N, C-alpha and C. Protein backbone atom coordinates (compact mmCIF):
# COMPACT_ATOMS: atom_id res chain seq x y z
N MET A 1 -6.12 73.66 -88.44
CA MET A 1 -5.86 73.69 -87.04
C MET A 1 -5.65 75.45 -86.62
N LYS A 2 -6.41 75.72 -85.70
CA LYS A 2 -6.34 77.30 -85.57
C LYS A 2 -5.33 77.56 -84.39
N ILE A 3 -4.21 78.33 -84.71
CA ILE A 3 -3.23 78.70 -83.69
C ILE A 3 -3.30 80.35 -83.65
N LEU A 4 -3.34 80.89 -82.29
CA LEU A 4 -3.06 82.07 -82.21
C LEU A 4 -1.96 82.65 -82.66
N PRO A 5 -1.99 83.62 -83.66
CA PRO A 5 -0.66 84.47 -84.21
C PRO A 5 0.35 84.68 -83.24
N VAL A 6 -0.10 85.37 -82.17
CA VAL A 6 1.05 85.84 -81.15
C VAL A 6 1.74 84.75 -80.55
N ILE A 7 1.25 83.42 -80.46
CA ILE A 7 2.00 82.44 -79.87
C ILE A 7 2.40 81.32 -81.03
N ALA A 8 2.11 81.13 -82.27
CA ALA A 8 2.41 80.28 -83.24
C ALA A 8 3.92 80.57 -83.41
N GLY A 9 4.60 79.38 -83.49
CA GLY A 9 6.05 79.28 -83.75
C GLY A 9 6.96 79.35 -82.50
N VAL A 10 6.47 79.67 -81.41
CA VAL A 10 7.17 79.78 -80.21
C VAL A 10 6.62 79.07 -79.03
N LEU A 11 5.29 78.86 -78.98
CA LEU A 11 4.60 78.08 -78.00
C LEU A 11 4.67 76.66 -78.23
N LEU A 12 4.28 76.16 -79.57
CA LEU A 12 4.01 74.92 -79.93
C LEU A 12 5.23 74.17 -79.88
N VAL A 13 6.48 74.68 -80.11
CA VAL A 13 7.73 73.82 -80.24
C VAL A 13 8.05 73.52 -78.94
N GLY A 14 7.58 72.26 -78.44
CA GLY A 14 7.64 71.88 -77.10
C GLY A 14 9.05 71.18 -76.85
N GLY A 15 9.57 70.53 -77.84
CA GLY A 15 10.75 69.83 -77.59
C GLY A 15 11.51 69.48 -78.92
N CYS A 16 12.43 68.48 -79.00
CA CYS A 16 13.17 68.05 -80.14
C CYS A 16 13.77 66.74 -79.86
N ALA A 17 14.34 66.27 -80.96
CA ALA A 17 15.00 65.04 -80.80
C ALA A 17 16.29 65.00 -80.02
N SER A 18 16.97 66.08 -80.19
CA SER A 18 18.18 66.37 -79.49
C SER A 18 18.36 67.78 -79.10
N ARG A 19 19.34 67.98 -78.20
CA ARG A 19 19.74 69.29 -77.77
C ARG A 19 20.65 69.91 -78.94
N THR A 20 21.25 69.10 -79.72
CA THR A 20 22.02 69.48 -80.75
C THR A 20 21.35 70.20 -82.01
N LYS A 21 20.21 69.26 -82.22
CA LYS A 21 19.27 69.77 -83.21
C LYS A 21 18.62 71.18 -82.89
N CYS A 22 18.30 71.16 -81.65
CA CYS A 22 17.59 72.39 -81.28
C CYS A 22 18.44 73.50 -81.31
N GLY A 23 19.72 73.27 -80.95
CA GLY A 23 20.64 74.42 -81.06
C GLY A 23 20.76 75.13 -82.23
N LYS A 24 20.68 74.47 -83.50
CA LYS A 24 20.92 74.94 -84.89
C LYS A 24 19.66 75.80 -85.20
N GLN A 25 18.76 75.83 -84.43
CA GLN A 25 17.63 76.61 -84.83
C GLN A 25 17.58 77.93 -84.17
N ALA A 26 17.19 78.85 -84.93
CA ALA A 26 17.17 80.50 -84.20
C ALA A 26 15.66 80.96 -84.42
N ILE A 27 15.21 81.59 -83.55
CA ILE A 27 13.91 82.23 -83.50
C ILE A 27 14.07 83.86 -83.14
N GLY A 28 14.84 84.59 -83.81
CA GLY A 28 14.96 85.93 -83.33
C GLY A 28 15.64 86.11 -82.07
N ASP A 29 15.43 87.06 -81.36
CA ASP A 29 16.05 87.44 -80.17
C ASP A 29 15.58 86.71 -78.96
N VAL A 30 14.49 85.76 -79.32
CA VAL A 30 14.17 84.95 -78.07
C VAL A 30 14.85 83.53 -78.16
N ILE A 31 16.06 83.58 -77.92
CA ILE A 31 16.77 82.33 -77.98
C ILE A 31 17.62 81.82 -77.12
N THR A 32 17.48 82.41 -75.70
CA THR A 32 18.34 82.13 -74.62
C THR A 32 17.45 81.64 -73.53
N ALA A 33 17.83 80.67 -72.68
CA ALA A 33 17.35 80.35 -71.59
C ALA A 33 18.15 81.02 -70.42
N PRO A 34 17.53 81.26 -69.19
CA PRO A 34 18.52 81.96 -68.14
C PRO A 34 19.25 80.86 -67.61
N ALA A 35 20.08 81.11 -66.58
CA ALA A 35 20.97 80.20 -65.80
C ALA A 35 20.17 79.19 -65.07
N SER A 36 19.42 78.47 -65.65
CA SER A 36 18.67 77.60 -65.01
C SER A 36 18.90 76.12 -65.33
N GLU A 37 19.84 75.84 -66.42
CA GLU A 37 20.11 74.58 -66.73
C GLU A 37 20.90 73.89 -65.64
N ALA A 38 20.84 72.63 -65.70
CA ALA A 38 21.27 71.80 -64.46
C ALA A 38 22.77 72.07 -64.21
N GLU A 39 23.66 72.32 -65.36
CA GLU A 39 25.06 72.48 -65.22
C GLU A 39 25.54 73.80 -64.50
N THR A 40 24.57 74.70 -64.50
CA THR A 40 24.81 76.03 -63.85
C THR A 40 24.46 75.91 -62.44
N LEU A 41 23.93 74.86 -61.92
CA LEU A 41 23.29 74.76 -60.49
C LEU A 41 24.44 74.16 -59.70
N PRO A 42 24.34 74.38 -58.43
CA PRO A 42 25.24 73.60 -57.43
C PRO A 42 24.80 72.12 -57.58
N ALA A 43 25.75 71.25 -57.18
CA ALA A 43 25.40 69.94 -57.43
C ALA A 43 24.20 69.31 -56.87
N ALA A 44 24.10 69.76 -55.51
CA ALA A 44 22.75 69.22 -54.74
C ALA A 44 21.61 69.72 -55.65
N GLU A 45 21.58 70.71 -56.21
CA GLU A 45 20.32 71.26 -56.87
C GLU A 45 20.23 70.83 -58.24
N SER A 46 21.06 70.03 -58.81
CA SER A 46 20.87 69.33 -60.08
C SER A 46 20.20 68.04 -60.03
N ASP A 47 19.86 67.66 -58.73
CA ASP A 47 19.21 66.28 -58.44
C ASP A 47 17.76 66.54 -58.06
N PRO A 48 16.87 65.96 -58.95
CA PRO A 48 15.34 66.18 -58.57
C PRO A 48 14.98 65.69 -57.28
N LYS A 49 15.73 64.85 -56.73
CA LYS A 49 15.47 64.28 -55.47
C LYS A 49 15.77 65.39 -54.30
N ASN A 50 16.54 66.27 -54.70
CA ASN A 50 16.80 67.41 -53.84
C ASN A 50 15.77 68.31 -53.44
N PRO A 51 15.48 68.67 -52.06
CA PRO A 51 14.27 69.49 -51.85
C PRO A 51 14.21 70.88 -52.25
N ASP A 52 15.44 71.35 -52.59
CA ASP A 52 15.61 72.62 -53.29
C ASP A 52 15.59 72.76 -54.82
N TYR A 53 15.45 71.66 -55.39
CA TYR A 53 15.54 71.54 -56.78
C TYR A 53 14.44 72.51 -57.54
N LEU A 54 13.11 72.45 -56.85
CA LEU A 54 11.98 73.37 -57.66
C LEU A 54 12.33 74.91 -57.25
N ARG A 55 12.72 74.99 -55.88
CA ARG A 55 12.92 76.37 -55.56
C ARG A 55 14.24 77.04 -56.56
N ALA A 56 15.16 76.37 -56.68
CA ALA A 56 16.34 76.60 -57.59
C ALA A 56 16.02 77.07 -58.94
N HIS A 57 15.11 76.35 -59.39
CA HIS A 57 14.76 76.47 -61.06
C HIS A 57 13.78 77.75 -61.07
N LEU A 58 12.79 77.78 -59.91
CA LEU A 58 11.90 78.97 -60.04
C LEU A 58 12.72 80.13 -59.98
N LYS A 59 13.68 80.22 -59.05
CA LYS A 59 14.36 81.42 -58.78
C LYS A 59 14.99 82.02 -59.91
N SER A 60 15.43 81.20 -60.95
CA SER A 60 16.22 81.66 -62.18
C SER A 60 15.16 82.35 -63.12
N TYR A 61 13.82 82.29 -62.69
CA TYR A 61 12.76 82.88 -63.42
C TYR A 61 12.14 83.92 -62.82
N GLY A 62 12.79 84.32 -61.69
CA GLY A 62 12.04 85.34 -60.80
C GLY A 62 10.73 84.90 -60.15
N LEU A 63 10.82 83.57 -59.65
CA LEU A 63 9.50 82.85 -59.18
C LEU A 63 10.05 82.29 -57.79
N VAL A 64 8.93 82.23 -57.12
CA VAL A 64 9.16 81.43 -55.65
C VAL A 64 8.04 80.30 -55.71
N PRO A 65 8.30 79.21 -54.86
CA PRO A 65 7.15 78.19 -54.75
C PRO A 65 5.88 78.69 -54.07
N PHE A 66 4.82 78.27 -54.58
CA PHE A 66 3.51 78.70 -53.95
C PHE A 66 3.65 78.32 -52.38
N ALA A 67 4.34 77.49 -52.06
CA ALA A 67 4.48 77.09 -50.53
C ALA A 67 5.25 78.09 -49.84
N ASP A 68 6.02 78.85 -50.64
CA ASP A 68 6.68 80.08 -49.84
C ASP A 68 6.14 81.48 -50.09
N ASP A 69 5.06 81.43 -50.61
CA ASP A 69 4.39 82.67 -50.97
C ASP A 69 2.80 82.51 -50.85
N THR A 70 2.29 82.01 -49.67
CA THR A 70 0.85 81.88 -49.50
C THR A 70 0.13 83.10 -49.53
N LYS A 71 -1.04 83.07 -50.23
CA LYS A 71 -1.88 84.18 -50.32
C LYS A 71 -3.28 83.89 -50.13
N ALA A 72 -3.80 84.37 -49.05
CA ALA A 72 -5.16 83.97 -48.49
C ALA A 72 -6.11 84.47 -49.37
N ASP A 73 -6.08 85.27 -50.33
CA ASP A 73 -7.09 85.75 -51.23
C ASP A 73 -7.15 84.94 -52.49
N GLN A 74 -6.27 83.78 -52.66
CA GLN A 74 -6.24 82.95 -53.78
C GLN A 74 -6.56 81.68 -53.27
N ALA A 75 -7.79 81.18 -53.45
CA ALA A 75 -8.25 79.78 -52.93
C ALA A 75 -7.67 78.78 -53.68
N THR A 76 -7.49 79.10 -54.89
CA THR A 76 -6.98 77.94 -55.89
C THR A 76 -5.88 78.70 -56.94
N ARG A 77 -4.80 78.13 -57.02
CA ARG A 77 -3.79 78.50 -57.64
C ARG A 77 -2.92 77.25 -58.51
N TYR A 78 -3.02 77.40 -59.89
CA TYR A 78 -2.12 76.46 -60.65
C TYR A 78 -0.84 77.07 -61.36
N ARG A 79 0.05 76.70 -61.38
CA ARG A 79 1.29 77.18 -62.19
C ARG A 79 2.15 76.14 -62.95
N PHE A 80 2.21 76.23 -64.15
CA PHE A 80 2.97 75.17 -64.95
C PHE A 80 4.20 75.92 -65.51
N LEU A 81 5.32 75.70 -65.20
CA LEU A 81 6.70 76.42 -65.77
C LEU A 81 7.21 75.25 -66.78
N TRP A 82 7.25 75.47 -67.94
CA TRP A 82 7.82 74.76 -69.12
C TRP A 82 9.20 75.28 -69.72
N ILE A 83 10.19 74.56 -69.12
CA ILE A 83 11.48 75.06 -69.65
C ILE A 83 11.91 74.03 -70.57
N ARG A 84 12.02 74.84 -71.96
CA ARG A 84 12.37 74.15 -73.15
C ARG A 84 13.67 74.25 -73.48
N SER A 85 13.89 73.56 -74.61
CA SER A 85 15.25 73.15 -74.95
C SER A 85 15.96 74.32 -75.60
N LEU A 86 17.14 74.86 -74.99
CA LEU A 86 18.15 75.77 -75.76
C LEU A 86 17.61 77.09 -76.32
N ARG A 87 17.18 77.13 -77.69
CA ARG A 87 16.83 78.20 -78.21
C ARG A 87 15.34 78.43 -78.31
N TYR A 88 14.65 77.74 -77.53
CA TYR A 88 13.12 77.83 -77.37
C TYR A 88 12.75 78.60 -75.93
N PRO A 89 12.01 79.71 -75.98
CA PRO A 89 11.68 80.48 -74.73
C PRO A 89 10.93 79.58 -73.82
N ALA A 90 11.16 79.70 -72.55
CA ALA A 90 10.47 79.17 -71.42
C ALA A 90 9.07 79.56 -71.54
N ALA A 91 7.89 78.87 -71.08
CA ALA A 91 6.69 79.26 -71.20
C ALA A 91 6.18 78.98 -69.66
N LEU A 92 5.08 79.91 -69.15
CA LEU A 92 4.53 79.87 -68.10
C LEU A 92 3.12 80.05 -68.16
N PHE A 93 2.29 79.09 -67.61
CA PHE A 93 0.64 79.27 -67.66
C PHE A 93 0.51 79.12 -66.09
N GLU A 94 -0.32 80.18 -65.83
CA GLU A 94 -1.08 80.50 -64.43
C GLU A 94 -2.16 80.60 -64.48
N VAL A 95 -2.97 80.08 -63.46
CA VAL A 95 -4.32 80.18 -63.28
C VAL A 95 -4.54 80.54 -61.74
N ARG A 96 -5.26 81.52 -61.43
CA ARG A 96 -5.79 82.06 -59.97
C ARG A 96 -7.00 82.13 -59.83
N PHE A 97 -7.82 81.51 -58.93
CA PHE A 97 -9.31 81.66 -58.61
C PHE A 97 -9.21 82.51 -57.15
N ASP A 98 -10.14 83.42 -56.96
CA ASP A 98 -10.14 83.96 -55.59
C ASP A 98 -11.25 83.22 -55.00
N SER A 99 -11.59 83.55 -53.63
CA SER A 99 -12.67 82.95 -52.89
C SER A 99 -14.06 83.16 -53.26
N SER A 100 -14.29 84.03 -54.15
CA SER A 100 -15.45 84.22 -55.13
C SER A 100 -15.60 83.23 -56.13
N GLY A 101 -14.75 82.61 -56.69
CA GLY A 101 -14.79 81.55 -57.70
C GLY A 101 -14.49 82.28 -58.92
N THR A 102 -14.23 83.50 -59.15
CA THR A 102 -13.74 83.99 -60.31
C THR A 102 -12.39 83.97 -60.42
N GLY A 103 -11.72 84.22 -61.47
CA GLY A 103 -10.33 84.02 -61.52
C GLY A 103 -9.76 84.50 -63.01
N ILE A 104 -8.50 84.44 -63.29
CA ILE A 104 -7.71 84.63 -64.37
C ILE A 104 -6.83 83.69 -64.86
N TYR A 105 -6.65 83.52 -66.16
CA TYR A 105 -5.59 82.66 -66.69
C TYR A 105 -4.75 83.32 -67.59
N GLU A 106 -3.23 83.17 -67.29
CA GLU A 106 -2.30 83.95 -68.18
C GLU A 106 -1.31 82.97 -68.73
N ALA A 107 -0.96 83.03 -69.97
CA ALA A 107 0.02 82.30 -70.54
C ALA A 107 1.19 83.39 -70.96
N LYS A 108 2.47 82.98 -70.39
CA LYS A 108 3.65 84.07 -70.83
C LYS A 108 4.78 83.17 -71.31
N LEU A 109 5.59 84.00 -72.00
CA LEU A 109 6.86 83.58 -72.50
C LEU A 109 7.95 84.39 -71.85
N TRP A 110 9.09 83.88 -71.69
CA TRP A 110 10.18 84.47 -71.10
C TRP A 110 11.21 84.99 -72.31
N LYS A 111 10.97 86.24 -72.38
CA LYS A 111 11.68 86.85 -73.53
C LYS A 111 12.43 88.05 -72.99
N LYS A 112 13.32 88.68 -74.01
CA LYS A 112 14.20 89.67 -73.79
C LYS A 112 13.47 90.98 -74.02
N GLN A 113 13.48 91.87 -73.29
CA GLN A 113 12.88 93.36 -73.58
C GLN A 113 13.53 94.23 -72.77
N ALA A 114 13.99 95.32 -73.54
CA ALA A 114 14.70 96.48 -72.89
C ALA A 114 16.01 95.92 -72.18
N GLY A 115 16.66 94.88 -72.78
CA GLY A 115 17.94 94.31 -72.47
C GLY A 115 17.81 93.32 -71.47
N ALA A 116 16.61 92.98 -71.02
CA ALA A 116 16.56 91.98 -69.94
C ALA A 116 15.40 91.03 -69.97
N PHE A 117 15.77 89.80 -69.61
CA PHE A 117 14.71 88.78 -69.84
C PHE A 117 13.61 89.01 -68.75
N GLN A 118 12.44 88.85 -69.36
CA GLN A 118 11.17 89.00 -68.19
C GLN A 118 10.08 88.05 -68.82
N TRP A 119 9.09 88.07 -68.00
CA TRP A 119 7.80 87.22 -68.52
C TRP A 119 7.01 88.29 -69.41
N VAL A 120 6.55 87.87 -70.44
CA VAL A 120 5.71 88.63 -71.34
C VAL A 120 4.50 87.85 -71.73
N THR A 121 3.32 88.50 -71.19
CA THR A 121 1.97 87.91 -71.33
C THR A 121 1.73 87.77 -72.85
N GLN A 122 1.25 86.52 -73.10
CA GLN A 122 0.97 86.35 -74.52
C GLN A 122 -0.66 86.25 -74.70
N ARG A 123 -1.38 85.72 -73.50
CA ARG A 123 -2.72 85.56 -73.44
C ARG A 123 -3.26 85.69 -72.19
N THR A 124 -4.50 86.43 -71.96
CA THR A 124 -5.24 86.50 -70.68
C THR A 124 -6.70 86.03 -71.01
N ILE A 125 -7.15 85.43 -69.90
CA ILE A 125 -8.55 84.97 -69.85
C ILE A 125 -9.07 85.27 -68.60
N LEU A 126 -10.30 85.94 -68.77
CA LEU A 126 -11.02 85.89 -67.37
C LEU A 126 -12.02 84.73 -67.21
N LEU A 127 -11.90 84.18 -65.95
CA LEU A 127 -12.50 82.75 -65.64
C LEU A 127 -13.70 83.09 -64.67
N LYS A 128 -14.86 82.21 -64.79
CA LYS A 128 -15.93 82.17 -64.22
C LYS A 128 -15.98 80.87 -63.21
N LYS A 129 -16.98 81.08 -62.52
CA LYS A 129 -17.20 79.87 -61.57
C LYS A 129 -17.24 78.67 -62.07
N SER A 130 -17.98 78.52 -63.32
CA SER A 130 -18.01 77.28 -64.16
C SER A 130 -16.65 76.85 -64.54
N ASP A 131 -15.76 77.87 -64.75
CA ASP A 131 -14.34 77.49 -65.08
C ASP A 131 -13.51 76.86 -63.83
N LEU A 132 -13.89 77.34 -62.69
CA LEU A 132 -13.25 76.76 -61.61
C LEU A 132 -13.81 75.43 -61.48
N ASP A 133 -14.95 75.18 -61.70
CA ASP A 133 -15.60 73.85 -61.55
C ASP A 133 -14.91 72.70 -62.47
N PHE A 134 -14.61 73.12 -63.75
CA PHE A 134 -14.06 72.35 -64.75
C PHE A 134 -12.54 72.16 -64.30
N HIS A 135 -11.63 73.28 -63.82
CA HIS A 135 -10.52 73.02 -63.38
C HIS A 135 -10.40 71.98 -62.31
N GLN A 136 -11.38 72.03 -61.21
CA GLN A 136 -11.13 71.34 -60.29
C GLN A 136 -11.65 69.54 -60.57
N TYR A 137 -12.52 69.59 -61.68
CA TYR A 137 -12.79 68.30 -62.39
C TYR A 137 -11.47 67.66 -62.93
N MET A 138 -10.82 68.45 -63.69
CA MET A 138 -9.42 67.98 -64.28
C MET A 138 -8.51 67.65 -63.40
N LEU A 139 -8.36 68.29 -62.33
CA LEU A 139 -7.50 68.19 -61.34
C LEU A 139 -7.85 66.79 -60.54
N ALA A 140 -9.05 66.65 -60.29
CA ALA A 140 -9.52 65.27 -59.49
C ALA A 140 -9.27 64.15 -60.45
N LYS A 141 -9.59 64.46 -61.81
CA LYS A 141 -9.56 63.42 -62.82
C LYS A 141 -8.07 62.62 -62.78
N SER A 142 -7.08 63.72 -62.78
CA SER A 142 -5.56 63.26 -62.76
C SER A 142 -5.06 62.78 -61.46
N HIS A 143 -5.86 62.83 -60.40
CA HIS A 143 -5.42 62.50 -59.06
C HIS A 143 -4.13 63.14 -58.69
N PHE A 144 -4.12 64.52 -59.07
CA PHE A 144 -2.76 65.26 -58.89
C PHE A 144 -2.20 65.16 -57.58
N PHE A 145 -2.88 65.34 -56.57
CA PHE A 145 -2.29 65.25 -55.17
C PHE A 145 -1.84 63.95 -54.77
N GLU A 146 -2.04 62.90 -55.56
CA GLU A 146 -1.42 61.57 -55.27
C GLU A 146 -0.20 61.20 -56.01
N VAL A 147 -0.11 62.06 -57.00
CA VAL A 147 1.18 61.83 -57.98
C VAL A 147 2.55 62.26 -57.33
N PRO A 148 3.45 61.39 -57.41
CA PRO A 148 4.77 61.84 -56.70
C PRO A 148 5.31 62.84 -57.23
N TRP A 149 6.39 63.53 -56.42
CA TRP A 149 7.03 64.72 -57.01
C TRP A 149 7.67 64.33 -58.31
N TRP A 150 8.45 63.35 -58.35
CA TRP A 150 9.46 62.98 -59.23
C TRP A 150 9.21 61.41 -59.62
N ASP A 151 9.20 60.97 -60.87
CA ASP A 151 9.06 59.52 -61.30
C ASP A 151 10.27 59.47 -62.38
N GLU A 152 11.50 58.96 -62.02
CA GLU A 152 12.43 58.79 -62.96
C GLU A 152 12.25 57.70 -64.07
N LYS A 153 11.21 57.00 -63.89
CA LYS A 153 10.99 55.98 -64.89
C LYS A 153 10.05 56.52 -65.83
N SER A 154 9.34 57.57 -65.63
CA SER A 154 8.36 58.11 -66.82
C SER A 154 9.02 59.31 -67.62
N GLY A 155 8.41 59.62 -68.70
CA GLY A 155 8.76 60.52 -69.43
C GLY A 155 9.86 60.15 -70.47
N TYR A 156 10.16 61.40 -71.22
CA TYR A 156 11.29 61.07 -72.28
C TYR A 156 12.00 62.41 -72.39
N TYR A 157 13.45 62.12 -72.32
CA TYR A 157 14.26 63.43 -72.11
C TYR A 157 14.68 64.07 -73.52
N ASP A 158 14.06 65.02 -73.58
CA ASP A 158 14.42 66.09 -74.93
C ASP A 158 14.83 67.43 -74.38
N GLY A 159 15.21 67.45 -73.17
CA GLY A 159 15.69 68.74 -72.61
C GLY A 159 14.53 69.67 -72.27
N ALA A 160 13.25 69.25 -72.17
CA ALA A 160 12.06 69.92 -71.71
C ALA A 160 11.66 69.67 -70.27
N ASP A 161 11.74 70.47 -69.38
CA ASP A 161 11.44 70.21 -67.88
C ASP A 161 10.04 70.85 -67.67
N TRP A 162 9.32 70.06 -67.05
CA TRP A 162 7.82 70.30 -66.49
C TRP A 162 7.78 70.42 -64.97
N PHE A 163 7.40 71.68 -64.54
CA PHE A 163 7.25 71.79 -63.15
C PHE A 163 5.89 72.49 -62.94
N ILE A 164 4.89 71.69 -62.28
CA ILE A 164 3.59 71.88 -62.13
C ILE A 164 3.27 72.06 -60.57
N GLU A 165 2.76 73.08 -60.06
CA GLU A 165 2.41 73.53 -58.71
C GLU A 165 0.76 73.69 -58.56
N VAL A 166 0.25 73.12 -57.78
CA VAL A 166 -1.06 73.24 -57.43
C VAL A 166 -1.32 73.69 -55.83
N GLN A 167 -2.09 74.80 -55.65
CA GLN A 167 -2.51 75.15 -54.18
C GLN A 167 -4.08 75.24 -54.25
N GLN A 168 -4.73 74.48 -53.37
CA GLN A 168 -6.37 74.70 -53.03
C GLN A 168 -6.40 74.78 -51.64
N GLY A 169 -6.53 76.00 -51.30
CA GLY A 169 -6.71 76.44 -49.91
C GLY A 169 -5.39 76.18 -49.17
N ASP A 170 -5.44 75.21 -48.14
CA ASP A 170 -4.29 74.86 -47.20
C ASP A 170 -3.59 73.60 -47.97
N ARG A 171 -3.93 72.96 -49.21
CA ARG A 171 -3.41 72.11 -49.73
C ARG A 171 -2.48 72.36 -50.72
N TYR A 172 -1.17 71.78 -50.86
CA TYR A 172 -0.20 72.21 -51.80
C TYR A 172 0.59 71.01 -52.33
N HIS A 173 0.66 70.91 -53.69
CA HIS A 173 1.53 69.83 -54.09
C HIS A 173 2.30 70.31 -55.45
N ALA A 174 3.46 69.69 -55.61
CA ALA A 174 4.24 70.18 -56.93
C ALA A 174 4.66 68.82 -57.60
N VAL A 175 5.00 68.77 -58.68
CA VAL A 175 5.41 67.73 -59.35
C VAL A 175 6.47 68.18 -60.45
N TYR A 176 7.48 67.28 -60.93
CA TYR A 176 8.32 67.69 -61.82
C TYR A 176 8.51 66.33 -62.84
N ARG A 177 8.65 66.63 -64.10
CA ARG A 177 8.79 65.42 -64.95
C ARG A 177 9.62 66.04 -66.29
N GLN A 178 10.32 65.14 -66.88
CA GLN A 178 11.12 65.34 -68.04
C GLN A 178 10.20 65.06 -69.20
N SER A 179 9.71 65.92 -70.02
CA SER A 179 8.99 65.74 -71.17
C SER A 179 8.02 64.40 -71.20
N PRO A 180 7.05 64.51 -70.45
CA PRO A 180 6.19 63.32 -70.09
C PRO A 180 5.34 63.20 -71.47
N GLN A 181 4.93 62.04 -71.74
CA GLN A 181 4.35 61.83 -72.94
C GLN A 181 2.85 61.28 -72.72
N ARG A 182 2.69 60.73 -71.46
CA ARG A 182 1.22 60.23 -71.15
C ARG A 182 1.21 60.29 -69.56
N GLY A 183 0.09 60.18 -69.20
CA GLY A 183 -0.08 60.15 -67.60
C GLY A 183 -0.73 61.27 -67.03
N PRO A 184 -1.11 61.44 -65.78
CA PRO A 184 -1.80 62.48 -65.12
C PRO A 184 -0.90 63.95 -65.27
N VAL A 185 0.29 63.82 -65.20
CA VAL A 185 1.09 65.21 -65.30
C VAL A 185 0.94 65.71 -66.64
N PHE A 186 1.30 64.70 -67.77
CA PHE A 186 0.94 65.32 -69.17
C PHE A 186 -0.21 65.76 -69.39
N ASP A 187 -1.17 64.89 -68.96
CA ASP A 187 -2.68 65.50 -69.17
C ASP A 187 -3.11 66.94 -68.66
N PHE A 188 -2.65 67.04 -67.32
CA PHE A 188 -3.00 68.26 -66.78
C PHE A 188 -2.25 69.50 -67.45
N GLY A 189 -0.93 69.31 -67.68
CA GLY A 189 -0.11 70.19 -68.32
C GLY A 189 -0.65 70.41 -69.73
N ARG A 190 -0.93 69.49 -70.42
CA ARG A 190 -1.57 69.67 -71.80
C ARG A 190 -2.85 70.55 -71.90
N PHE A 191 -3.54 70.43 -70.62
CA PHE A 191 -4.97 71.17 -70.56
C PHE A 191 -4.65 72.59 -70.30
N LEU A 192 -3.54 72.80 -69.55
CA LEU A 192 -3.16 74.27 -69.51
C LEU A 192 -2.55 74.80 -70.65
N ILE A 193 -1.92 74.12 -71.55
CA ILE A 193 -1.39 74.73 -72.72
C ILE A 193 -2.46 74.83 -73.72
N GLU A 194 -3.41 73.90 -73.68
CA GLU A 194 -4.42 73.94 -74.80
C GLU A 194 -5.31 75.23 -74.32
N SER A 195 -5.47 75.63 -73.04
CA SER A 195 -6.18 76.73 -72.92
C SER A 195 -5.51 77.87 -73.38
N ALA A 196 -4.23 78.01 -73.68
CA ALA A 196 -3.64 79.16 -74.17
C ALA A 196 -3.83 79.38 -75.73
N ILE A 197 -3.46 78.10 -76.50
CA ILE A 197 -3.51 78.17 -77.88
C ILE A 197 -4.94 77.69 -78.47
N GLN A 198 -5.60 77.29 -77.70
CA GLN A 198 -7.21 77.10 -78.31
C GLN A 198 -7.15 76.21 -79.48
N SER A 199 -6.28 75.12 -79.21
CA SER A 199 -6.03 74.08 -80.24
C SER A 199 -5.62 72.93 -79.46
N GLU A 200 -5.39 71.96 -80.30
CA GLU A 200 -4.89 70.66 -79.62
C GLU A 200 -3.45 70.69 -79.67
N PHE A 201 -2.98 70.33 -78.51
CA PHE A 201 -1.43 70.38 -78.30
C PHE A 201 -0.77 69.20 -78.76
N LEU A 202 0.27 69.52 -79.79
CA LEU A 202 0.93 68.49 -80.46
C LEU A 202 2.23 68.72 -79.94
N PRO A 203 3.04 67.79 -78.94
CA PRO A 203 4.19 68.08 -78.67
C PRO A 203 5.32 67.43 -79.83
N ILE A 204 6.39 68.14 -79.90
CA ILE A 204 7.43 67.82 -80.88
C ILE A 204 8.56 67.07 -80.32
N TYR A 205 8.58 65.69 -80.15
CA TYR A 205 9.81 65.11 -79.40
C TYR A 205 10.83 64.52 -80.42
């Protein structure tokens, strides 16, 4: 299996059996998550049913919801924030297409540099119109706009949070899951991860 060296060892470690087990593993100075864990948030914002749940978590990573940051020059945007357990850095996968159909894909890790945590780009891919067509196909296949924001009956809790946002023109939708193992949210998130690692995504639960 081919894995890009720059991402190997930090990007594929998607989850673990328990928070305790994860906490015993160290990967250099990329070891801490920002204050986005539920216990550091106000009570109302620790509940996925709360309308500010997405906004509160994105804010911890210097992000705002697409719904609060509309950009006319970006006809299509996808963003997948993958907050992993304890000592594994959060990952961010972003896709942006402009009105011409061309775009860019970026995979980033939340790492400490110059004394502060910030998003560090690991991979960048320029996208063509054919890529936009394929992304739209994957989105339609997943029926993403019909998927509810939160489904507490799905997924497996291993400390990994999946936040995925999609904007297509004036259409916007976001979903949240805890370590999904199957279904449309997992399929679309896996597609964005595999675009970065150029290999099959093997989650570790």
